[in-house]
Amino acid sequence: MAFPFSDAQGENFIKRPVLILGVSPTGPEQDERILVAQITGSPDRLANLKQGDLLLPQWQAFGLLRPSAIRCRKLYSCAPRELLRVFGAVDGQTLTSVRNEACALAGC
């Protein structure tokens, strides 16, 4: 999806993989939204992980093109049409770890 730069002024976006964390209810009175977490393959970020960054040792099995980490502090709510394509899927343990880390960062 086209993920906004956090310090962007205007229409600055970068296409990047994301992990879907949840989907809101659908229906005529609902505003369907998808909660996603940013995935990065930046060598600089991977060498300097911060709190909330979870390394993906099985990145190839998850359909990613290079070593990657999920940035649990970089969450975004998007409409289904904003998702461009499916790369792959993570296992249940990874999804649970990401959800728990995002929740812990938010003070749940």
N, C-alpha and C. Protein backbone atom coordinates (compact mmCIF):
# COMPACT_ATOMS: atom_id res chain seq x y z
N MET A 1 0.84 -1.18 0.00
CA MET A 1 0.00 0.00 0.00
C MET A 1 0.88 1.23 0.00
N ALA A 2 0.32 2.36 -0.33
CA ALA A 2 1.05 3.62 -0.30
C ALA A 2 1.00 4.15 1.13
N PHE A 3 2.09 3.96 1.86
CA PHE A 3 2.15 4.31 3.27
C PHE A 3 2.68 5.74 3.39
N PRO A 4 2.00 6.61 4.14
CA PRO A 4 2.46 8.01 4.25
C PRO A 4 3.74 8.10 5.07
N PHE A 5 4.63 9.00 4.64
CA PHE A 5 5.80 9.31 5.45
C PHE A 5 5.33 10.03 6.70
N SER A 6 5.90 9.71 7.86
CA SER A 6 5.43 10.30 9.11
C SER A 6 5.70 11.80 9.19
N ASP A 7 6.74 12.27 8.50
CA ASP A 7 7.07 13.69 8.55
C ASP A 7 6.72 14.39 7.22
N ALA A 8 5.80 13.78 6.47
CA ALA A 8 5.47 14.29 5.14
C ALA A 8 4.66 15.58 5.22
N GLN A 9 4.94 16.43 4.29
CA GLN A 9 4.15 17.64 4.10
C GLN A 9 3.58 17.53 2.70
N GLY A 10 2.29 17.33 2.60
CA GLY A 10 1.69 17.16 1.29
C GLY A 10 1.41 15.71 0.97
N GLU A 11 1.64 15.33 -0.26
CA GLU A 11 1.27 14.01 -0.77
C GLU A 11 2.49 13.09 -0.91
N ASN A 12 3.29 12.92 0.11
CA ASN A 12 4.48 12.08 0.04
C ASN A 12 4.19 10.70 0.62
N PHE A 13 4.25 9.69 -0.26
CA PHE A 13 3.96 8.32 0.13
C PHE A 13 5.03 7.40 -0.45
N ILE A 14 5.16 6.23 0.16
CA ILE A 14 6.04 5.20 -0.36
C ILE A 14 5.26 3.89 -0.36
N LYS A 15 5.37 3.14 -1.46
CA LYS A 15 4.72 1.82 -1.50
C LYS A 15 5.56 0.86 -0.68
N ARG A 16 4.90 0.17 0.25
CA ARG A 16 5.62 -0.78 1.09
C ARG A 16 4.67 -1.87 1.54
N PRO A 17 5.24 -3.02 1.91
CA PRO A 17 4.39 -4.08 2.44
C PRO A 17 3.89 -3.71 3.84
N VAL A 18 2.72 -4.24 4.17
CA VAL A 18 2.14 -4.04 5.49
C VAL A 18 1.59 -5.36 6.00
N LEU A 19 1.41 -5.44 7.30
CA LEU A 19 0.77 -6.59 7.92
C LEU A 19 -0.61 -6.17 8.38
N ILE A 20 -1.63 -6.88 7.94
CA ILE A 20 -3.00 -6.57 8.38
C ILE A 20 -3.18 -7.10 9.80
N LEU A 21 -3.52 -6.19 10.72
CA LEU A 21 -3.73 -6.55 12.12
C LEU A 21 -5.19 -6.78 12.45
N GLY A 22 -6.08 -6.14 11.71
CA GLY A 22 -7.50 -6.29 11.98
C GLY A 22 -8.34 -5.58 10.94
N VAL A 23 -9.59 -5.99 10.85
CA VAL A 23 -10.55 -5.41 9.91
C VAL A 23 -11.80 -5.03 10.68
N SER A 24 -12.29 -3.83 10.46
CA SER A 24 -13.50 -3.39 11.15
C SER A 24 -14.72 -4.09 10.55
N PRO A 25 -15.84 -4.06 11.27
CA PRO A 25 -17.07 -4.66 10.75
C PRO A 25 -17.49 -4.00 9.44
N THR A 26 -18.22 -4.73 8.63
CA THR A 26 -18.72 -4.18 7.37
C THR A 26 -20.23 -4.07 7.43
N GLY A 27 -20.77 -3.26 6.58
CA GLY A 27 -22.22 -3.09 6.51
C GLY A 27 -22.56 -1.67 6.10
N PRO A 28 -23.84 -1.41 5.84
CA PRO A 28 -24.25 -0.10 5.33
C PRO A 28 -23.99 1.04 6.31
N GLU A 29 -23.94 0.76 7.61
CA GLU A 29 -23.72 1.82 8.60
C GLU A 29 -22.30 1.78 9.16
N GLN A 30 -21.42 1.04 8.52
CA GLN A 30 -20.05 0.91 9.00
C GLN A 30 -19.09 1.62 8.04
N ASP A 31 -18.00 2.10 8.58
CA ASP A 31 -16.92 2.69 7.80
C ASP A 31 -15.80 1.65 7.78
N GLU A 32 -15.80 0.76 6.78
CA GLU A 32 -14.85 -0.35 6.77
C GLU A 32 -13.41 0.18 6.72
N ARG A 33 -12.64 -0.21 7.70
CA ARG A 33 -11.24 0.19 7.80
C ARG A 33 -10.42 -1.05 8.11
N ILE A 34 -9.16 -1.00 7.69
CA ILE A 34 -8.22 -2.08 7.95
C ILE A 34 -7.05 -1.49 8.71
N LEU A 35 -6.70 -2.09 9.84
CA LEU A 35 -5.55 -1.64 10.63
C LEU A 35 -4.33 -2.42 10.18
N VAL A 36 -3.29 -1.69 9.75
CA VAL A 36 -2.07 -2.32 9.25
C VAL A 36 -0.85 -1.80 10.00
N ALA A 37 0.20 -2.62 9.99
CA ALA A 37 1.50 -2.23 10.54
C ALA A 37 2.50 -2.19 9.40
N GLN A 38 3.34 -1.20 9.42
CA GLN A 38 4.36 -1.03 8.39
C GLN A 38 5.42 -2.14 8.47
N ILE A 39 5.87 -2.60 7.32
CA ILE A 39 6.99 -3.54 7.23
C ILE A 39 8.11 -2.83 6.51
N THR A 40 9.33 -2.95 7.02
CA THR A 40 10.48 -2.31 6.39
C THR A 40 11.57 -3.32 6.09
N GLY A 41 12.26 -3.09 5.00
CA GLY A 41 13.43 -3.89 4.66
C GLY A 41 14.67 -3.02 4.61
N SER A 42 14.57 -1.82 5.16
CA SER A 42 15.69 -0.88 5.16
C SER A 42 16.87 -1.46 5.93
N PRO A 43 18.04 -1.60 5.28
CA PRO A 43 19.22 -2.12 5.99
C PRO A 43 19.57 -1.28 7.22
N ASP A 44 19.42 0.04 7.13
CA ASP A 44 19.70 0.90 8.28
C ASP A 44 18.77 0.60 9.45
N ARG A 45 17.48 0.41 9.16
CA ARG A 45 16.50 0.12 10.22
C ARG A 45 16.78 -1.25 10.81
N LEU A 46 17.09 -2.24 9.96
CA LEU A 46 17.34 -3.60 10.46
C LEU A 46 18.59 -3.65 11.34
N ALA A 47 19.56 -2.79 11.06
CA ALA A 47 20.79 -2.75 11.85
C ALA A 47 20.59 -1.99 13.16
N ASN A 48 19.53 -1.20 13.24
CA ASN A 48 19.27 -0.36 14.43
C ASN A 48 17.81 -0.46 14.84
N LEU A 49 17.36 -1.65 15.20
CA LEU A 49 15.98 -1.84 15.61
C LEU A 49 15.67 -1.01 16.85
N LYS A 50 14.48 -0.44 16.89
CA LYS A 50 14.03 0.35 18.04
C LYS A 50 12.91 -0.39 18.74
N GLN A 51 12.51 0.13 19.89
CA GLN A 51 11.40 -0.47 20.61
C GLN A 51 10.19 -0.53 19.68
N GLY A 52 9.57 -1.69 19.60
CA GLY A 52 8.41 -1.86 18.74
C GLY A 52 8.74 -2.41 17.36
N ASP A 53 10.02 -2.55 17.03
CA ASP A 53 10.42 -3.16 15.77
C ASP A 53 10.65 -4.65 16.00
N LEU A 54 9.95 -5.50 15.27
CA LEU A 54 10.09 -6.95 15.42
C LEU A 54 10.69 -7.54 14.16
N LEU A 55 11.87 -8.11 14.29
CA LEU A 55 12.56 -8.75 13.18
C LEU A 55 11.78 -9.97 12.71
N LEU A 56 11.74 -10.19 11.41
CA LEU A 56 11.04 -11.34 10.83
C LEU A 56 12.08 -12.34 10.31
N PRO A 57 12.51 -13.29 11.14
CA PRO A 57 13.52 -14.25 10.69
C PRO A 57 13.03 -15.12 9.53
N GLN A 58 11.72 -15.30 9.41
CA GLN A 58 11.15 -16.12 8.34
C GLN A 58 10.62 -15.27 7.19
N TRP A 59 11.28 -14.18 6.90
CA TRP A 59 10.79 -13.23 5.91
C TRP A 59 10.50 -13.87 4.56
N GLN A 60 11.31 -14.82 4.11
CA GLN A 60 11.07 -15.46 2.82
C GLN A 60 9.79 -16.29 2.83
N ALA A 61 9.57 -17.02 3.93
CA ALA A 61 8.37 -17.84 4.05
C ALA A 61 7.11 -16.97 4.06
N PHE A 62 7.24 -15.71 4.48
CA PHE A 62 6.11 -14.80 4.54
C PHE A 62 5.88 -14.07 3.22
N GLY A 63 6.69 -14.36 2.19
CA GLY A 63 6.49 -13.76 0.87
C GLY A 63 7.19 -12.43 0.66
N LEU A 64 8.10 -12.06 1.57
CA LEU A 64 8.81 -10.80 1.43
C LEU A 64 10.06 -10.98 0.57
N LEU A 65 10.53 -9.91 -0.04
CA LEU A 65 11.64 -9.98 -0.99
C LEU A 65 13.01 -9.86 -0.35
N ARG A 66 13.07 -9.36 0.89
CA ARG A 66 14.37 -9.19 1.57
C ARG A 66 14.15 -9.25 3.08
N PRO A 67 15.23 -9.39 3.85
CA PRO A 67 15.08 -9.37 5.31
C PRO A 67 14.27 -8.16 5.74
N SER A 68 13.37 -8.38 6.70
CA SER A 68 12.42 -7.33 7.06
C SER A 68 12.10 -7.33 8.54
N ALA A 69 11.51 -6.22 8.98
CA ALA A 69 11.02 -6.07 10.35
C ALA A 69 9.65 -5.39 10.29
N ILE A 70 8.80 -5.74 11.24
CA ILE A 70 7.51 -5.08 11.37
C ILE A 70 7.66 -3.95 12.38
N ARG A 71 7.17 -2.79 12.03
CA ARG A 71 7.29 -1.61 12.89
C ARG A 71 5.97 -1.41 13.62
N CYS A 72 5.88 -1.94 14.82
CA CYS A 72 4.63 -1.91 15.59
C CYS A 72 4.24 -0.51 16.03
N ARG A 73 5.16 0.46 15.94
CA ARG A 73 4.83 1.85 16.25
C ARG A 73 4.29 2.58 15.03
N LYS A 74 4.37 1.95 13.87
CA LYS A 74 3.92 2.58 12.63
C LYS A 74 2.65 1.89 12.15
N LEU A 75 1.53 2.25 12.77
CA LEU A 75 0.23 1.69 12.44
C LEU A 75 -0.54 2.70 11.58
N TYR A 76 -1.44 2.16 10.76
CA TYR A 76 -2.21 3.02 9.87
C TYR A 76 -3.57 2.38 9.64
N SER A 77 -4.59 3.19 9.57
CA SER A 77 -5.93 2.73 9.26
C SER A 77 -6.22 3.10 7.81
N CYS A 78 -6.56 2.10 7.00
CA CYS A 78 -6.78 2.37 5.57
C CYS A 78 -8.08 1.74 5.10
N ALA A 79 -8.52 2.17 3.94
CA ALA A 79 -9.68 1.56 3.28
C ALA A 79 -9.18 0.34 2.49
N PRO A 80 -10.03 -0.66 2.30
CA PRO A 80 -9.61 -1.85 1.55
C PRO A 80 -9.03 -1.53 0.17
N ARG A 81 -9.53 -0.52 -0.50
CA ARG A 81 -9.05 -0.18 -1.85
C ARG A 81 -7.60 0.31 -1.85
N GLU A 82 -7.08 0.71 -0.67
CA GLU A 82 -5.71 1.19 -0.60
C GLU A 82 -4.67 0.06 -0.62
N LEU A 83 -5.11 -1.17 -0.37
CA LEU A 83 -4.20 -2.30 -0.41
C LEU A 83 -4.00 -2.69 -1.87
N LEU A 84 -2.76 -2.76 -2.31
CA LEU A 84 -2.47 -2.94 -3.72
C LEU A 84 -2.39 -4.40 -4.16
N ARG A 85 -1.80 -5.26 -3.33
CA ARG A 85 -1.73 -6.68 -3.66
C ARG A 85 -1.31 -7.48 -2.43
N VAL A 86 -1.48 -8.79 -2.52
CA VAL A 86 -1.12 -9.69 -1.42
C VAL A 86 0.26 -10.28 -1.71
N PHE A 87 1.16 -10.17 -0.73
CA PHE A 87 2.50 -10.75 -0.86
C PHE A 87 2.53 -12.17 -0.30
N GLY A 88 1.92 -12.36 0.84
CA GLY A 88 1.96 -13.64 1.54
C GLY A 88 1.25 -13.49 2.87
N ALA A 89 1.59 -14.35 3.80
CA ALA A 89 0.94 -14.33 5.11
C ALA A 89 1.95 -14.75 6.17
N VAL A 90 1.76 -14.21 7.37
CA VAL A 90 2.59 -14.61 8.51
C VAL A 90 1.86 -15.72 9.26
N ASP A 91 2.59 -16.40 10.12
CA ASP A 91 1.96 -17.44 10.93
C ASP A 91 1.24 -16.80 12.11
N GLY A 92 0.41 -17.59 12.79
CA GLY A 92 -0.39 -17.09 13.92
C GLY A 92 0.45 -16.56 15.06
N GLN A 93 1.59 -17.20 15.32
CA GLN A 93 2.47 -16.75 16.41
C GLN A 93 3.04 -15.36 16.12
N THR A 94 3.44 -15.13 14.87
CA THR A 94 3.97 -13.81 14.51
C THR A 94 2.88 -12.75 14.62
N LEU A 95 1.69 -13.05 14.11
CA LEU A 95 0.58 -12.08 14.19
C LEU A 95 0.26 -11.75 15.65
N THR A 96 0.22 -12.76 16.51
CA THR A 96 -0.04 -12.53 17.93
C THR A 96 1.05 -11.68 18.56
N SER A 97 2.31 -11.95 18.22
CA SER A 97 3.43 -11.16 18.76
C SER A 97 3.33 -9.70 18.35
N VAL A 98 2.98 -9.45 17.09
CA VAL A 98 2.85 -8.07 16.61
C VAL A 98 1.68 -7.38 17.30
N ARG A 99 0.55 -8.04 17.39
CA ARG A 99 -0.61 -7.44 18.08
C ARG A 99 -0.28 -7.13 19.53
N ASN A 100 0.39 -8.05 20.23
CA ASN A 100 0.74 -7.84 21.64
C ASN A 100 1.71 -6.66 21.79
N GLU A 101 2.70 -6.58 20.89
CA GLU A 101 3.66 -5.48 20.96
C GLU A 101 2.98 -4.15 20.69
N ALA A 102 2.12 -4.08 19.68
CA ALA A 102 1.40 -2.83 19.37
C ALA A 102 0.53 -2.43 20.55
N CYS A 103 -0.15 -3.39 21.15
CA CYS A 103 -1.01 -3.11 22.30
C CYS A 103 -0.18 -2.59 23.48
N ALA A 104 0.95 -3.25 23.74
CA ALA A 104 1.83 -2.82 24.84
C ALA A 104 2.32 -1.39 24.63
N LEU A 105 2.66 -1.05 23.39
CA LEU A 105 3.12 0.32 23.09
C LEU A 105 2.00 1.33 23.29
N ALA A 106 0.76 0.90 23.04
CA ALA A 106 -0.39 1.81 23.19
C ALA A 106 -0.92 1.86 24.62
N GLY A 107 -0.38 1.01 25.48
CA GLY A 107 -0.82 1.00 26.88
C GLY A 107 -2.10 0.22 27.12
N CYS A 108 -2.37 -0.77 26.30
CA CYS A 108 -3.59 -1.59 26.47
C CYS A 108 -3.51 -2.45 27.71
